[in-house]
Amino acid sequence: MVRANALEDNFVLYKTVDGIRSALDIVGRKGGYGVAVPVPANTWHSLRIEFKAARFGASFNGKQLFEVEDSTFTDAGMVGLWTKADSVTLFDQVTYGETK
């Protein structure tokens, strides 16, 4: 799960296991909470996650911000959209697929 937060100006990649959400560690950095990045409110943004096996690359507005590695989920699954109650969020042109 990826979140670009206009209230906190950050971009975070999470996983949820048994109802518990936790931020994923960025490759080359242990701990922390995503990256600080301006997320202007009331404007369209592009979020992209490219994945191959256990490696995920996270991009925001065309700029790759970081990569994570996580092998919690090994089988094909579903894609979902998430928003929190303290924000108004619109989604458009949602696509997904594995990077070749």
N, C-alpha and C. Protein backbone atom coordinates (compact mmCIF):
# COMPACT_ATOMS: atom_id res chain seq x y z
N MET A 1 0.85 -1.15 0.00
CA MET A 1 0.00 0.00 0.00
C MET A 1 0.91 1.24 0.00
N VAL A 2 0.57 2.21 -0.82
CA VAL A 2 1.36 3.44 -0.88
C VAL A 2 0.48 4.61 -0.47
N ARG A 3 1.09 5.58 0.19
CA ARG A 3 0.35 6.77 0.60
C ARG A 3 1.19 8.01 0.38
N ALA A 4 0.61 8.98 -0.30
CA ALA A 4 1.19 10.33 -0.41
C ALA A 4 0.31 11.21 0.46
N ASN A 5 0.88 11.79 1.49
CA ASN A 5 0.10 12.50 2.49
C ASN A 5 0.34 14.01 2.42
N ALA A 6 -0.69 14.75 2.04
CA ALA A 6 -0.57 16.21 1.93
C ALA A 6 -0.56 16.89 3.30
N LEU A 7 -1.07 16.23 4.32
CA LEU A 7 -1.07 16.81 5.66
C LEU A 7 0.30 16.70 6.32
N GLU A 8 1.03 15.62 6.03
CA GLU A 8 2.35 15.39 6.64
C GLU A 8 3.50 15.59 5.66
N ASP A 9 3.19 15.83 4.36
CA ASP A 9 4.21 15.94 3.31
C ASP A 9 5.19 14.78 3.35
N ASN A 10 4.64 13.57 3.18
CA ASN A 10 5.49 12.38 3.09
C ASN A 10 4.88 11.36 2.15
N PHE A 11 5.71 10.39 1.78
CA PHE A 11 5.36 9.32 0.84
C PHE A 11 5.85 8.03 1.47
N VAL A 12 4.94 7.10 1.75
CA VAL A 12 5.26 5.90 2.52
C VAL A 12 4.69 4.67 1.83
N LEU A 13 5.45 3.57 1.85
CA LEU A 13 4.99 2.28 1.36
C LEU A 13 4.81 1.36 2.56
N TYR A 14 3.63 0.74 2.64
CA TYR A 14 3.27 -0.12 3.78
C TYR A 14 2.95 -1.53 3.31
N LYS A 15 2.87 -2.42 4.30
CA LYS A 15 2.22 -3.71 4.10
C LYS A 15 1.23 -3.88 5.25
N THR A 16 0.19 -4.68 5.02
CA THR A 16 -0.79 -4.98 6.05
C THR A 16 -0.89 -6.49 6.18
N VAL A 17 -0.64 -6.98 7.38
CA VAL A 17 -0.69 -8.42 7.67
C VAL A 17 -1.57 -8.60 8.89
N ASP A 18 -2.60 -9.45 8.76
CA ASP A 18 -3.54 -9.71 9.86
C ASP A 18 -4.11 -8.41 10.44
N GLY A 19 -4.41 -7.45 9.56
CA GLY A 19 -5.01 -6.19 9.97
C GLY A 19 -4.05 -5.17 10.56
N ILE A 20 -2.76 -5.49 10.60
CA ILE A 20 -1.75 -4.58 11.16
C ILE A 20 -0.97 -3.95 10.01
N ARG A 21 -1.03 -2.61 9.92
CA ARG A 21 -0.28 -1.88 8.89
C ARG A 21 1.08 -1.48 9.43
N SER A 22 2.13 -1.71 8.63
CA SER A 22 3.48 -1.30 9.03
C SER A 22 4.23 -0.77 7.82
N ALA A 23 5.01 0.30 8.05
CA ALA A 23 5.81 0.90 6.98
C ALA A 23 6.95 -0.05 6.62
N LEU A 24 7.28 -0.12 5.34
CA LEU A 24 8.38 -0.97 4.88
C LEU A 24 9.69 -0.20 4.91
N ASP A 25 10.77 -0.90 5.27
CA ASP A 25 12.10 -0.28 5.30
C ASP A 25 12.58 -0.02 3.88
N ILE A 26 13.16 1.13 3.68
CA ILE A 26 13.73 1.50 2.39
C ILE A 26 15.07 0.79 2.21
N VAL A 27 15.33 0.29 1.02
CA VAL A 27 16.60 -0.38 0.73
C VAL A 27 17.74 0.56 1.06
N GLY A 28 18.70 0.09 1.85
CA GLY A 28 19.85 0.89 2.23
C GLY A 28 19.64 1.72 3.48
N ARG A 29 18.45 1.64 4.06
CA ARG A 29 18.15 2.40 5.27
C ARG A 29 17.27 1.55 6.18
N LYS A 30 17.64 1.40 7.41
CA LYS A 30 16.86 0.62 8.36
C LYS A 30 16.02 1.56 9.21
N GLY A 31 14.74 1.28 9.31
CA GLY A 31 13.85 2.12 10.11
C GLY A 31 13.42 3.36 9.37
N GLY A 32 12.76 4.23 10.06
CA GLY A 32 12.26 5.45 9.43
C GLY A 32 10.83 5.27 8.95
N TYR A 33 10.35 6.28 8.28
CA TYR A 33 8.95 6.30 7.87
C TYR A 33 8.85 6.93 6.49
N GLY A 34 9.11 6.17 5.44
CA GLY A 34 9.03 6.69 4.09
C GLY A 34 10.02 7.83 3.87
N VAL A 35 9.62 8.78 3.01
CA VAL A 35 10.48 9.93 2.74
C VAL A 35 9.64 11.21 2.82
N ALA A 36 10.31 12.29 3.21
CA ALA A 36 9.66 13.59 3.22
C ALA A 36 9.63 14.12 1.78
N VAL A 37 8.47 14.52 1.33
CA VAL A 37 8.32 15.07 -0.01
C VAL A 37 7.09 15.98 -0.01
N PRO A 38 7.17 17.14 -0.66
CA PRO A 38 5.99 18.00 -0.72
C PRO A 38 4.85 17.30 -1.48
N VAL A 39 3.67 17.33 -0.90
CA VAL A 39 2.47 16.77 -1.52
C VAL A 39 1.41 17.88 -1.52
N PRO A 40 1.45 18.76 -2.51
CA PRO A 40 0.50 19.87 -2.53
C PRO A 40 -0.95 19.38 -2.57
N ALA A 41 -1.78 20.00 -1.77
CA ALA A 41 -3.20 19.67 -1.74
C ALA A 41 -3.90 20.26 -2.97
N ASN A 42 -5.06 19.73 -3.26
CA ASN A 42 -5.94 20.24 -4.33
C ASN A 42 -5.29 20.23 -5.70
N THR A 43 -4.50 19.20 -5.98
CA THR A 43 -3.88 19.03 -7.29
C THR A 43 -3.75 17.55 -7.58
N TRP A 44 -3.69 17.19 -8.86
CA TRP A 44 -3.52 15.80 -9.25
C TRP A 44 -2.06 15.40 -9.10
N HIS A 45 -1.84 14.14 -8.68
CA HIS A 45 -0.50 13.59 -8.55
C HIS A 45 -0.46 12.22 -9.20
N SER A 46 0.73 11.76 -9.52
CA SER A 46 0.94 10.43 -10.06
C SER A 46 1.71 9.60 -9.05
N LEU A 47 1.15 8.46 -8.66
CA LEU A 47 1.83 7.50 -7.78
C LEU A 47 2.07 6.24 -8.59
N ARG A 48 3.26 5.69 -8.46
CA ARG A 48 3.59 4.49 -9.23
C ARG A 48 4.43 3.56 -8.37
N ILE A 49 4.06 2.28 -8.39
CA ILE A 49 4.85 1.25 -7.75
C ILE A 49 5.19 0.23 -8.83
N GLU A 50 6.47 0.05 -9.07
CA GLU A 50 6.93 -0.98 -10.01
C GLU A 50 7.48 -2.13 -9.18
N PHE A 51 7.11 -3.33 -9.57
CA PHE A 51 7.55 -4.46 -8.75
C PHE A 51 8.01 -5.62 -9.61
N LYS A 52 8.99 -6.32 -9.09
CA LYS A 52 9.46 -7.56 -9.68
C LYS A 52 9.91 -8.43 -8.52
N ALA A 53 9.22 -9.56 -8.36
CA ALA A 53 9.46 -10.46 -7.23
C ALA A 53 9.29 -9.68 -5.93
N ALA A 54 10.32 -9.60 -5.09
CA ALA A 54 10.21 -8.97 -3.77
C ALA A 54 10.70 -7.52 -3.76
N ARG A 55 11.03 -6.95 -4.92
CA ARG A 55 11.59 -5.58 -4.99
C ARG A 55 10.52 -4.64 -5.54
N PHE A 56 10.29 -3.54 -4.83
CA PHE A 56 9.29 -2.55 -5.21
C PHE A 56 9.95 -1.19 -5.34
N GLY A 57 9.74 -0.52 -6.47
CA GLY A 57 10.22 0.84 -6.67
C GLY A 57 9.06 1.80 -6.54
N ALA A 58 9.21 2.83 -5.72
CA ALA A 58 8.13 3.78 -5.46
C ALA A 58 8.44 5.12 -6.12
N SER A 59 7.51 5.59 -6.97
CA SER A 59 7.68 6.88 -7.66
C SER A 59 6.51 7.80 -7.37
N PHE A 60 6.81 9.09 -7.31
CA PHE A 60 5.79 10.11 -7.07
C PHE A 60 6.00 11.23 -8.08
N ASN A 61 4.96 11.51 -8.86
CA ASN A 61 5.01 12.55 -9.89
C ASN A 61 6.19 12.37 -10.84
N GLY A 62 6.43 11.11 -11.24
CA GLY A 62 7.47 10.81 -12.22
C GLY A 62 8.88 10.67 -11.68
N LYS A 63 9.08 10.86 -10.39
CA LYS A 63 10.41 10.77 -9.80
C LYS A 63 10.49 9.57 -8.85
N GLN A 64 11.43 8.65 -9.13
CA GLN A 64 11.58 7.51 -8.22
C GLN A 64 12.16 8.00 -6.90
N LEU A 65 11.47 7.67 -5.80
CA LEU A 65 11.88 8.13 -4.48
C LEU A 65 12.69 7.09 -3.71
N PHE A 66 12.33 5.81 -3.85
CA PHE A 66 13.03 4.77 -3.12
C PHE A 66 12.59 3.39 -3.60
N GLU A 67 13.29 2.37 -3.09
CA GLU A 67 12.93 0.98 -3.32
C GLU A 67 12.84 0.27 -1.97
N VAL A 68 11.98 -0.74 -1.92
CA VAL A 68 11.89 -1.60 -0.74
C VAL A 68 11.97 -3.04 -1.21
N GLU A 69 12.34 -3.92 -0.30
CA GLU A 69 12.29 -5.36 -0.55
C GLU A 69 11.45 -5.99 0.53
N ASP A 70 10.49 -6.81 0.12
CA ASP A 70 9.64 -7.51 1.07
C ASP A 70 9.05 -8.73 0.39
N SER A 71 9.17 -9.87 1.04
CA SER A 71 8.66 -11.12 0.44
C SER A 71 7.51 -11.70 1.25
N THR A 72 6.78 -10.86 1.96
CA THR A 72 5.65 -11.32 2.76
C THR A 72 4.61 -12.03 1.89
N PHE A 73 4.28 -11.45 0.76
CA PHE A 73 3.26 -12.01 -0.12
C PHE A 73 3.93 -12.55 -1.38
N THR A 74 3.82 -13.85 -1.61
CA THR A 74 4.52 -14.47 -2.74
C THR A 74 3.58 -14.84 -3.89
N ASP A 75 2.29 -14.90 -3.63
CA ASP A 75 1.33 -15.24 -4.67
C ASP A 75 0.70 -13.99 -5.25
N ALA A 76 0.17 -14.13 -6.45
CA ALA A 76 -0.55 -13.01 -7.07
C ALA A 76 -1.70 -12.62 -6.16
N GLY A 77 -2.03 -11.36 -6.15
CA GLY A 77 -3.09 -10.90 -5.26
C GLY A 77 -3.95 -9.85 -5.90
N MET A 78 -4.45 -8.96 -5.06
CA MET A 78 -5.37 -7.93 -5.50
C MET A 78 -4.74 -6.55 -5.32
N VAL A 79 -5.31 -5.60 -6.00
CA VAL A 79 -4.90 -4.20 -5.88
C VAL A 79 -6.07 -3.46 -5.26
N GLY A 80 -5.77 -2.55 -4.34
CA GLY A 80 -6.83 -1.77 -3.71
C GLY A 80 -6.43 -0.32 -3.60
N LEU A 81 -7.39 0.53 -3.29
CA LEU A 81 -7.16 1.95 -3.09
C LEU A 81 -7.54 2.28 -1.65
N TRP A 82 -6.78 3.19 -1.04
CA TRP A 82 -6.99 3.52 0.36
C TRP A 82 -6.93 5.03 0.55
N THR A 83 -7.80 5.53 1.37
CA THR A 83 -7.75 6.93 1.77
C THR A 83 -8.18 7.01 3.22
N LYS A 84 -7.79 8.06 3.88
CA LYS A 84 -8.15 8.23 5.28
C LYS A 84 -9.29 9.24 5.42
N ALA A 85 -9.96 9.20 6.55
CA ALA A 85 -11.13 10.04 6.78
C ALA A 85 -10.81 11.53 6.81
N ASP A 86 -9.55 11.89 7.03
CA ASP A 86 -9.21 13.31 7.13
C ASP A 86 -8.78 13.92 5.80
N SER A 87 -9.08 13.24 4.69
CA SER A 87 -8.70 13.79 3.39
C SER A 87 -9.78 13.51 2.36
N VAL A 88 -9.80 14.34 1.33
CA VAL A 88 -10.66 14.12 0.17
C VAL A 88 -9.74 13.66 -0.94
N THR A 89 -9.99 12.47 -1.47
CA THR A 89 -9.09 11.87 -2.45
C THR A 89 -9.89 11.39 -3.64
N LEU A 90 -9.39 11.68 -4.83
CA LEU A 90 -9.99 11.20 -6.07
C LEU A 90 -8.96 10.34 -6.80
N PHE A 91 -9.41 9.28 -7.45
CA PHE A 91 -8.53 8.39 -8.20
C PHE A 91 -8.95 8.37 -9.66
N ASP A 92 -7.96 8.26 -10.56
CA ASP A 92 -8.24 8.24 -12.00
C ASP A 92 -7.15 7.43 -12.68
N GLN A 93 -7.49 6.71 -13.71
CA GLN A 93 -6.52 5.95 -14.52
C GLN A 93 -5.68 4.98 -13.68
N VAL A 94 -6.34 4.15 -12.89
CA VAL A 94 -5.66 3.15 -12.07
C VAL A 94 -5.33 1.95 -12.93
N THR A 95 -4.05 1.59 -12.98
CA THR A 95 -3.61 0.41 -13.72
C THR A 95 -2.62 -0.36 -12.86
N TYR A 96 -2.44 -1.65 -13.18
CA TYR A 96 -1.43 -2.42 -12.47
C TYR A 96 -0.89 -3.53 -13.35
N GLY A 97 0.30 -4.02 -13.01
CA GLY A 97 0.93 -5.12 -13.71
C GLY A 97 2.36 -5.27 -13.24
N GLU A 98 2.94 -6.45 -13.42
CA GLU A 98 4.30 -6.70 -12.98
C GLU A 98 5.29 -6.15 -14.00
N THR A 99 6.37 -5.55 -13.50
CA THR A 99 7.44 -5.04 -14.37
C THR A 99 8.18 -6.24 -14.95
N LYS A 100 8.41 -6.22 -16.23
CA LYS A 100 9.13 -7.33 -16.89
C LYS A 100 10.61 -7.16 -16.78
